[in-house]
Amino acid sequence: MAQVEVLLPKMGESVAEATIIKWLKNEGDTVELDEPIIEIATDKVDSEVPSPNAGILIKRLCNEGDVVQVGKPIAIIGSEAGAVAAPVAPKVEVASNGNGQHHNAPVAAAVGTAVSAPLGKGNGNKFFSPLVRTIAQTEGVTIEELETIQGSGAQGRVTKKDILNYLPNKGKTAAPTQVTAPVQQNATRVEVKEEKRPAIPVGPNDEIIEMDRMRKLIAQYMVDSKRISPHVTSFVEADVTNLVLWREKAKKEFERREKEKLTFTPLLMEAVIKAIKDFPMINISVDGDRIIKKKDINIGMAAALPSGNLIVPVIKNADRLNLVGLTQSVNDLANRARTNQLKPDEISGGTYTISNVGNFGNVMGTPIIQQPQVAILALGAIRKKPAVIETPYGDTIGIRHMMFLSHSYDHRVVDGSLGGMFVRRVADYLEQFDINREI
């Protein structure tokens, strides 16, 4: 009887592990080729893992809630019905002990989950994965603090879930420390306590709704962004009459020829891309006291999911696409976002983000920056309004299609002049749209 190990697939350069959310098949169930057998979640997106073979699910090698490394086995598929799982030999991996020597690291066979080789350790005997160490460094968690966290992974390993659960309580419980004279000299700093949140009363008619995993992640990202970046928002009102009239005239022919619906998003994105080329210091990230200037222009577009949660798929190298290419990318990513079919790489690597709050009838907003970017543009609803029109024969009042652009930026590295000039330039490109443009 042939047996095939189902491995946790590679899900992007920045994804090293995933959490098992739900098994879709039980042991003994028949599995078709490419049929989803398990739901997994990363810190970027939820997805399903299809079976690489048709047959019988002989054994599930991990449990719901487990964190599994990419490339590790999660199940065994057999080709014959009624097959009995062969004993799975304990796996061992070679790990460095820090002295140039190596030892065998046994895998916890109780749950059948392979454990990655330890890739970093603190002053004690605990080892921490690169992902955990990166989160710790970003959040200001010391190695000493990491060693106090009770790990839920195999052999007590601290997982991403463990450290994320630790962060909200960071600093609330005093770790075992030595009280020395230098500490007393800095007593003012040491005695500063984290602000306590008031207890929220719950009435008899109130409903308590637990946040789902994605909402918890979004909440954490938003809090982190406001903590990291001092936000400033500039507003510009743009006359987009020519753009609206051209789209109304061209959309039917465009859809007939390209088999794609022409929305406002790719047209507005074109103006943003042009402005980024004019002001490349908007297309940057900050790493400590270093500014990283991005060569690629990768545009993220915030999209609301049917669940009410938010996701930001990214169009890579958007400046290399014409209007047809942008339209295809926008429609494809938006459709797959709604059906939960995005890949982790498709929601990472953005260098600038737009959020179309006009979809909800909002005229403007103050969007929160998508870290590690430094700016985000909210596009308001397009509305007909009376406006002053300048003509060679004098000013007159006319009905125009107007919209607000709200530009939030990181005031550490983007001053008001750059942030304001950028959004003004976007408005200029929209107002100068050629109404006679060829499709």
Protein backbone atom coordinates (compact mmCIF):
# COMPACT_ATOMS: atom_id res chain seq x y z
CA MET A 1 0.00 0.00 0.00
CA ALA A 2 1.46 3.35 -1.05
CA GLN A 3 1.50 6.06 1.57
CA VAL A 4 2.10 9.76 0.97
CA GLU A 5 2.95 12.37 3.57
CA VAL A 6 1.00 15.60 3.17
CA LEU A 7 3.37 18.47 3.96
CA LEU A 8 2.40 21.95 5.09
CA PRO A 9 3.00 23.84 1.83
CA LYS A 10 5.20 26.89 1.37
CA MET A 11 2.95 29.94 1.59
CA GLY A 12 5.31 32.79 0.85
CA GLU A 13 8.79 33.98 1.71
CA SER A 14 7.63 35.65 4.94
CA VAL A 15 5.56 32.74 6.27
CA ALA A 16 7.41 30.15 8.36
CA GLU A 17 4.56 28.44 10.22
CA ALA A 18 0.80 28.13 10.38
CA THR A 19 -1.83 27.33 12.98
CA ILE A 20 -4.17 24.39 12.38
CA ILE A 21 -7.72 25.79 12.53
CA LYS A 22 -9.94 22.89 11.52
CA TRP A 23 -9.69 19.41 10.05
CA LEU A 24 -12.08 18.97 7.13
CA LYS A 25 -11.54 15.20 6.97
CA ASN A 26 -11.46 12.48 9.60
CA GLU A 27 -9.16 9.47 9.68
CA GLY A 28 -10.63 6.82 7.37
CA ASP A 29 -12.38 9.32 5.11
CA THR A 30 -12.00 9.11 1.34
CA VAL A 31 -10.05 12.02 -0.11
CA GLU A 32 -10.08 13.16 -3.73
CA LEU A 33 -7.12 14.70 -5.52
CA ASP A 34 -6.85 18.42 -4.66
CA GLU A 35 -9.75 18.15 -2.20
CA PRO A 36 -9.20 20.40 0.86
CA ILE A 37 -8.45 18.36 3.97
CA ILE A 38 -7.54 21.03 6.52
CA GLU A 39 -7.93 24.76 7.22
CA ILE A 40 -4.86 26.68 8.36
CA ALA A 41 -4.16 30.23 9.44
CA THR A 42 -1.05 32.37 9.26
CA ASP A 43 -0.61 35.89 10.60
CA LYS A 44 -1.58 37.08 7.12
CA VAL A 45 -4.43 34.99 5.75
CA ASP A 46 -6.54 31.86 6.28
CA SER A 47 -6.42 29.16 3.63
CA GLU A 48 -7.04 25.46 2.91
CA VAL A 49 -4.53 22.70 2.17
CA PRO A 50 -5.54 20.36 -0.68
CA SER A 51 -4.63 16.68 -0.79
CA PRO A 52 -1.76 15.91 -3.21
CA ASN A 53 -3.20 12.41 -3.82
CA ALA A 54 -6.51 10.58 -3.94
CA GLY A 55 -7.01 7.86 -1.35
CA ILE A 56 -7.79 7.40 2.33
CA LEU A 57 -6.79 9.75 5.14
CA ILE A 58 -4.88 7.23 7.24
CA LYS A 59 -3.53 9.47 9.99
CA ARG A 60 -3.73 13.09 11.11
CA LEU A 61 -0.31 14.13 12.41
CA CYS A 62 -1.38 17.32 14.17
CA ASN A 63 -4.30 18.63 16.16
CA GLU A 64 -6.46 21.71 15.84
CA GLY A 65 -4.66 24.60 17.50
CA ASP A 66 -1.18 23.21 16.83
CA VAL A 67 1.44 25.47 15.23
CA VAL A 68 3.26 23.63 12.44
CA GLN A 69 6.36 24.64 10.52
CA VAL A 70 6.24 24.96 6.73
CA GLY A 71 7.43 21.77 5.06
CA LYS A 72 6.52 19.51 7.98
CA PRO A 73 4.08 16.56 7.57
CA ILE A 74 0.51 17.10 8.71
CA ALA A 75 -1.18 13.91 7.46
CA ILE A 76 -0.66 10.55 5.77
CA ILE A 77 -2.74 9.58 2.72
CA GLY A 78 -2.98 5.92 1.69
CA SER A 79 -4.08 4.58 -1.68
CA GLU A 80 -6.20 1.70 -0.39
CA ALA A 81 -9.50 1.83 1.49
CA GLY A 82 -9.55 0.35 4.96
CA ALA A 83 -5.78 0.61 5.31
CA VAL A 84 -4.29 0.72 8.78
CA ALA A 85 -1.77 3.39 9.52
CA ALA A 86 1.78 2.16 9.72
CA PRO A 87 3.66 3.17 12.86
CA VAL A 88 5.29 6.53 12.37
CA ALA A 89 8.90 6.45 13.48
CA PRO A 90 9.89 9.27 15.83
CA LYS A 91 11.59 12.00 13.89
CA VAL A 92 14.81 13.61 15.00
CA GLU A 93 16.42 16.77 13.82
CA VAL A 94 19.96 17.99 14.24
CA ALA A 95 20.29 21.12 16.32
CA SER A 96 23.31 23.10 17.33
CA ASN A 97 24.12 23.37 21.04
CA GLY A 98 25.89 26.65 20.49
CA ASN A 99 29.41 25.18 20.77
CA GLY A 100 29.76 23.97 17.21
CA GLN A 101 28.61 20.50 18.29
CA HIS A 102 25.25 18.92 17.51
CA HIS A 103 22.73 16.76 19.29
CA ASN A 104 19.56 14.98 18.31
CA ALA A 105 16.31 16.82 19.15
CA PRO A 106 13.46 14.30 19.58
CA VAL A 107 10.07 15.15 18.20
CA ALA A 108 6.97 14.99 20.41
CA ALA A 109 5.37 11.88 18.96
CA ALA A 110 2.26 12.26 21.12
CA VAL A 111 0.69 14.63 18.62
CA GLY A 112 2.77 13.54 15.64
CA THR A 113 3.91 17.13 14.99
CA ALA A 114 7.40 17.67 13.71
CA VAL A 115 9.42 20.25 15.58
CA SER A 116 11.79 22.52 13.74
CA ALA A 117 15.39 22.64 14.73
CA PRO A 118 16.10 25.28 17.40
CA LEU A 119 17.39 28.36 15.68
CA GLY A 120 18.20 30.66 18.54
CA LYS A 121 18.47 30.59 22.31
CA GLY A 122 18.58 32.88 25.28
CA ASN A 123 20.74 32.75 28.37
CA GLY A 124 18.92 29.61 29.59
CA ASN A 125 18.15 26.40 27.78
CA LYS A 126 15.14 27.58 25.79
CA PHE A 127 15.35 27.97 22.02
CA PHE A 128 13.25 30.46 20.04
CA SER A 129 12.31 30.45 16.36
CA PRO A 130 13.24 33.42 14.14
CA LEU A 131 9.55 34.45 13.99
CA VAL A 132 9.25 34.56 17.78
CA ARG A 133 12.53 36.46 18.10
CA THR A 134 11.44 38.97 15.44
CA ILE A 135 8.14 39.63 17.24
CA ALA A 136 10.01 39.98 20.52
CA GLN A 137 12.47 42.48 19.04
CA THR A 138 9.67 44.53 17.46
CA GLU A 139 7.66 44.62 20.69
CA GLY A 140 10.59 45.29 22.98
CA VAL A 141 10.46 41.89 24.71
CA THR A 142 13.85 40.91 26.11
CA ILE A 143 15.35 37.42 25.98
CA GLU A 144 14.93 37.27 29.75
CA GLU A 145 11.20 37.93 29.36
CA LEU A 146 10.93 35.32 26.61
CA GLU A 147 12.39 32.72 28.93
CA THR A 148 9.62 33.41 31.47
CA ILE A 149 6.84 32.70 28.95
CA GLN A 150 5.24 29.30 29.33
CA GLY A 151 5.42 27.70 25.88
CA SER A 152 2.58 25.61 24.48
CA GLY A 153 4.60 24.07 21.66
CA ALA A 154 6.33 20.73 21.63
CA GLN A 155 8.97 20.43 24.39
CA GLY A 156 7.66 23.68 25.86
CA ARG A 157 8.61 25.74 22.79
CA VAL A 158 7.33 29.32 22.79
CA THR A 159 5.12 29.73 19.73
CA LYS A 160 3.88 32.82 17.95
CA LYS A 161 0.54 32.39 19.70
CA ASP A 162 2.26 32.31 23.10
CA ILE A 163 4.14 35.56 22.59
CA LEU A 164 1.11 37.32 21.08
CA ASN A 165 -0.94 36.28 24.11
CA TYR A 166 1.84 37.58 26.36
CA LEU A 167 2.04 41.06 24.80
CA PRO A 168 -1.24 42.50 26.22
CA ASN A 169 -0.04 41.58 29.73
CA LYS A 170 3.54 42.69 29.20
CA GLY A 171 4.70 44.73 32.13
CA LYS A 172 1.64 44.01 34.28
CA THR A 173 3.30 41.22 36.25
CA ALA A 174 6.66 41.95 37.74
CA ALA A 175 9.25 39.43 36.62
CA PRO A 176 11.73 38.13 39.18
CA THR A 177 14.34 40.86 39.29
CA GLN A 178 17.15 41.98 41.54
CA VAL A 179 16.59 45.33 43.24
CA THR A 180 19.86 47.21 43.11
CA ALA A 181 21.00 50.72 43.76
CA PRO A 182 20.85 51.78 40.07
CA VAL A 183 17.19 50.77 40.01
CA GLN A 184 16.53 53.00 43.00
CA GLN A 185 18.26 55.88 41.24
CA ASN A 186 15.78 55.51 38.37
CA ALA A 187 12.80 54.94 40.64
CA THR A 188 10.64 57.43 38.76
CA ARG A 189 10.87 55.43 35.54
CA VAL A 190 10.48 52.06 37.24
CA GLU A 191 7.36 53.13 39.13
CA VAL A 192 5.49 54.19 35.99
CA LYS A 193 2.63 51.74 35.64
CA GLU A 194 0.65 50.80 32.59
CA GLU A 195 -2.69 52.56 32.50
CA LYS A 196 -5.43 50.32 33.81
CA ARG A 197 -8.49 49.88 31.66
CA PRO A 198 -11.76 50.52 33.47
CA ALA A 199 -14.04 47.55 33.95
CA ILE A 200 -16.84 47.52 31.38
CA PRO A 201 -20.23 46.86 32.93
CA VAL A 202 -22.32 44.23 31.16
CA GLY A 203 -26.08 44.70 31.36
CA PRO A 204 -28.65 41.90 31.39
CA ASN A 205 -29.70 42.76 27.80
CA ASP A 206 -26.16 43.03 26.44
CA GLU A 207 -24.67 40.44 24.12
CA ILE A 208 -21.04 39.41 24.45
CA ILE A 209 -19.38 38.57 21.12
CA GLU A 210 -15.95 36.98 21.14
CA MET A 211 -13.54 38.39 18.55
CA ASP A 212 -12.54 35.91 15.88
CA ARG A 213 -8.87 35.30 15.16
CA MET A 214 -8.69 37.79 12.29
CA ARG A 215 -10.39 40.55 14.27
CA LYS A 216 -7.89 40.06 17.11
CA LEU A 217 -5.02 40.38 14.62
CA ILE A 218 -6.53 43.51 13.07
CA ALA A 219 -7.02 45.06 16.50
CA GLN A 220 -3.39 44.38 17.40
CA TYR A 221 -2.12 45.75 14.06
CA MET A 222 -4.13 48.95 14.44
CA VAL A 223 -2.93 49.57 18.00
CA ASP A 224 0.66 48.86 16.97
CA SER A 225 0.45 51.24 14.01
CA LYS A 226 -0.85 54.13 16.11
CA ARG A 227 1.83 53.41 18.71
CA ILE A 228 4.65 53.24 16.15
CA SER A 229 3.70 56.10 13.80
CA PRO A 230 2.61 59.62 14.78
CA HIS A 231 -0.28 60.02 12.33
CA VAL A 232 -1.04 63.27 10.52
CA THR A 233 -3.81 63.59 7.91
CA SER A 234 -4.07 66.12 5.06
CA PHE A 235 -7.24 66.61 2.99
CA VAL A 236 -7.74 67.76 -0.60
CA GLU A 237 -10.98 68.05 -2.59
CA ALA A 238 -10.63 67.07 -6.24
CA ASP A 239 -12.84 67.77 -9.25
CA VAL A 240 -13.03 64.38 -11.00
CA THR A 241 -15.74 65.31 -13.51
CA ASN A 242 -13.69 64.41 -16.58
CA LEU A 243 -12.76 61.03 -15.11
CA VAL A 244 -16.40 60.23 -14.25
CA LEU A 245 -17.68 61.24 -17.69
CA TRP A 246 -14.96 59.26 -19.48
CA ARG A 247 -15.65 56.11 -17.45
CA GLU A 248 -19.38 56.39 -18.09
CA LYS A 249 -18.69 56.65 -21.80
CA ALA A 250 -16.06 53.87 -21.96
CA LYS A 251 -17.13 51.22 -19.44
CA LYS A 252 -19.43 49.19 -21.73
CA GLU A 253 -16.91 49.01 -24.55
CA PHE A 254 -14.13 48.26 -22.05
CA GLU A 255 -16.08 45.34 -20.56
CA ARG A 256 -17.01 44.01 -24.01
CA ARG A 257 -13.43 44.07 -25.20
CA GLU A 258 -11.52 43.11 -22.03
CA LYS A 259 -14.19 41.02 -20.26
CA GLU A 260 -13.53 43.06 -17.12
CA LYS A 261 -15.69 45.59 -15.31
CA LEU A 262 -14.05 49.02 -15.19
CA THR A 263 -14.43 50.45 -11.67
CA PHE A 264 -13.04 53.73 -10.36
CA THR A 265 -10.33 51.99 -8.34
CA PRO A 266 -7.79 51.32 -11.14
CA LEU A 267 -8.35 54.83 -12.53
CA LEU A 268 -7.67 56.38 -9.13
CA MET A 269 -4.72 54.01 -8.65
CA GLU A 270 -3.13 55.32 -11.83
CA ALA A 271 -3.01 58.83 -10.36
CA VAL A 272 -1.51 57.53 -7.10
CA ILE A 273 1.22 55.66 -8.98
CA LYS A 274 2.15 58.77 -10.97
CA ALA A 275 2.35 60.83 -7.79
CA ILE A 276 4.57 58.23 -6.10
CA LYS A 277 6.98 58.51 -9.01
CA ASP A 278 7.00 62.28 -8.50
CA PHE A 279 7.49 61.96 -4.74
CA PRO A 280 9.45 58.71 -4.17
CA MET A 281 10.08 59.53 -0.50
CA ILE A 282 6.45 58.58 0.16
CA ASN A 283 7.36 55.04 -0.93
CA ILE A 284 9.60 54.24 2.04
CA SER A 285 9.79 52.29 5.31
CA VAL A 286 11.51 53.08 8.60
CA ASP A 287 13.88 50.71 10.37
CA GLY A 288 15.01 52.34 13.59
CA ASP A 289 16.87 55.45 12.47
CA ARG A 290 17.28 54.17 8.90
CA ILE A 291 15.00 55.06 5.98
CA ILE A 292 14.51 52.29 3.41
CA LYS A 293 13.60 53.75 0.02
CA LYS A 294 11.59 51.25 -2.00
CA LYS A 295 12.34 50.82 -5.69
CA ASP A 296 9.21 48.76 -6.38
CA ILE A 297 5.77 50.35 -6.22
CA ASN A 298 3.47 47.76 -4.65
CA ILE A 299 -0.01 49.15 -4.07
CA GLY A 300 -2.17 47.66 -1.33
CA MET A 301 -5.93 48.11 -1.55
CA ALA A 302 -7.95 47.70 1.63
CA ALA A 303 -10.96 45.44 1.07
CA ALA A 304 -13.85 44.60 3.39
CA LEU A 305 -14.71 40.92 3.72
CA PRO A 306 -18.25 39.53 4.07
CA SER A 307 -17.42 38.83 7.73
CA GLY A 308 -16.84 42.54 8.27
CA ASN A 309 -13.10 42.07 8.71
CA LEU A 310 -10.52 43.92 6.64
CA ILE A 311 -7.80 42.57 4.38
CA VAL A 312 -5.27 44.36 2.16
CA PRO A 313 -4.27 42.48 -1.02
CA VAL A 314 -1.27 43.94 -2.83
CA ILE A 315 -0.67 44.61 -6.53
CA LYS A 316 3.07 44.06 -7.02
CA ASN A 317 4.95 46.36 -9.41
CA ALA A 318 1.75 48.26 -10.11
CA ASP A 319 3.66 50.94 -12.00
CA ARG A 320 4.46 48.41 -14.76
CA LEU A 321 0.79 47.75 -15.51
CA ASN A 322 -1.43 49.65 -17.92
CA LEU A 323 -5.10 50.34 -17.21
CA VAL A 324 -6.16 46.88 -18.41
CA GLY A 325 -3.57 45.18 -16.22
CA LEU A 326 -4.53 47.24 -13.19
CA THR A 327 -8.22 46.50 -13.76
CA GLN A 328 -7.59 42.77 -14.04
CA SER A 329 -5.45 42.76 -10.89
CA VAL A 330 -7.93 44.84 -8.87
CA ASN A 331 -10.92 42.69 -9.87
CA ASP A 332 -9.08 39.40 -9.37
CA LEU A 333 -7.74 40.26 -5.91
CA ALA A 334 -11.06 41.73 -4.78
CA ASN A 335 -13.01 38.65 -5.92
CA ARG A 336 -10.62 36.20 -4.29
CA ALA A 337 -10.52 38.26 -1.09
CA ARG A 338 -14.29 37.87 -0.79
CA THR A 339 -14.02 34.09 -1.22
CA ASN A 340 -11.03 33.68 1.11
CA GLN A 341 -8.75 32.43 -1.66
CA LEU A 342 -5.85 34.87 -1.32
CA LYS A 343 -2.32 33.55 -0.85
CA PRO A 344 -0.09 34.94 1.92
CA ASP A 345 2.29 36.53 -0.61
CA GLU A 346 -0.63 38.44 -2.12
CA ILE A 347 -1.25 40.38 1.07
CA SER A 348 2.37 41.18 1.91
CA GLY A 349 5.08 43.41 0.49
CA GLY A 350 2.97 46.54 0.00
CA THR A 351 4.77 49.88 -0.13
CA TYR A 352 1.73 52.20 -0.24
CA THR A 353 -1.97 51.60 0.45
CA ILE A 354 -5.26 53.08 -0.69
CA SER A 355 -8.61 52.62 1.03
CA ASN A 356 -11.82 53.40 -0.84
CA VAL A 357 -14.08 54.62 1.97
CA GLY A 358 -16.41 56.00 -0.69
CA ASN A 359 -17.72 52.47 -1.18
CA PHE A 360 -19.58 52.93 2.10
CA GLY A 361 -20.89 56.40 1.24
CA ASN A 362 -18.23 58.16 3.34
CA VAL A 363 -16.93 61.47 2.00
CA MET A 364 -13.60 61.32 3.86
CA GLY A 365 -11.75 59.44 6.58
CA THR A 366 -8.55 59.31 8.62
CA PRO A 367 -7.05 55.94 7.67
CA ILE A 368 -4.47 54.12 9.79
CA ILE A 369 -1.11 53.36 8.20
CA GLN A 370 -0.39 49.77 7.16
CA GLN A 371 2.96 49.05 8.83
CA PRO A 372 5.78 49.15 7.84
CA GLN A 373 4.60 51.67 5.26
CA VAL A 374 4.55 55.39 6.04
CA ALA A 375 1.39 56.60 4.30
CA ILE A 376 -2.12 55.63 3.23
CA LEU A 377 -4.74 57.39 1.10
CA ALA A 378 -8.48 57.24 1.72
CA LEU A 379 -10.69 57.87 -1.32
CA GLY A 380 -14.02 59.47 -0.50
CA ALA A 381 -17.36 59.12 -2.24
CA ILE A 382 -17.78 60.96 -5.55
CA ARG A 383 -20.68 63.40 -5.24
CA LYS A 384 -22.26 66.02 -7.47
CA LYS A 385 -21.78 69.47 -5.98
CA PRO A 386 -22.05 73.08 -7.09
CA ALA A 387 -18.56 74.42 -7.72
CA VAL A 388 -16.85 77.50 -9.12
CA ILE A 389 -15.65 76.96 -12.69
CA GLU A 390 -12.97 79.25 -14.05
CA THR A 391 -13.39 80.15 -17.75
CA PRO A 392 -11.69 82.66 -20.08
CA TYR A 393 -14.87 84.70 -19.79
CA GLY A 394 -14.98 84.74 -16.01
CA ASP A 395 -16.04 82.48 -13.18
CA THR A 396 -19.31 80.62 -13.15
CA ILE A 397 -21.14 78.09 -10.99
CA GLY A 398 -21.62 74.55 -12.31
CA ILE A 399 -22.47 71.03 -11.18
CA ARG A 400 -19.27 69.03 -10.83
CA HIS A 401 -18.28 65.57 -9.61
CA MET A 402 -16.18 66.13 -6.49
CA MET A 403 -14.36 63.84 -4.06
CA PHE A 404 -12.18 64.21 -0.97
CA LEU A 405 -8.75 62.61 -0.69
CA SER A 406 -7.56 61.96 2.88
CA HIS A 407 -3.85 61.33 3.22
CA SER A 408 -2.50 59.94 6.54
CA TYR A 409 1.27 59.80 6.91
CA ASP A 410 3.98 59.02 9.45
CA HIS A 411 5.21 62.36 10.79
CA ARG A 412 8.53 60.82 11.86
CA VAL A 413 9.72 60.85 8.27
CA VAL A 414 6.98 62.56 6.22
CA ASP A 415 6.56 66.24 6.98
CA GLY A 416 3.44 68.24 6.21
CA SER A 417 4.98 69.69 3.05
CA LEU A 418 5.68 66.28 1.49
CA GLY A 419 2.45 64.71 2.73
CA GLY A 420 0.40 67.67 1.54
CA MET A 421 2.13 68.06 -1.82
CA PHE A 422 1.75 64.37 -2.54
CA VAL A 423 -2.03 64.29 -2.08
CA ARG A 424 -2.33 67.56 -3.99
CA ARG A 425 -0.41 65.98 -6.88
CA VAL A 426 -2.79 63.00 -6.88
CA ALA A 427 -5.70 65.44 -7.12
CA ASP A 428 -3.97 67.30 -9.97
CA TYR A 429 -3.64 64.11 -12.01
CA LEU A 430 -7.30 63.27 -11.42
CA GLU A 431 -8.45 66.76 -12.42
CA GLN A 432 -6.28 66.70 -15.54
CA PHE A 433 -7.76 63.40 -16.74
CA ASP A 434 -8.08 63.38 -20.55
CA ILE A 435 -11.75 63.02 -21.39
CA ASN A 436 -10.76 62.06 -24.97
CA ARG A 437 -8.46 59.27 -23.85
CA GLU A 438 -8.49 56.10 -25.97
CA ILE A 439 -9.72 52.94 -24.27
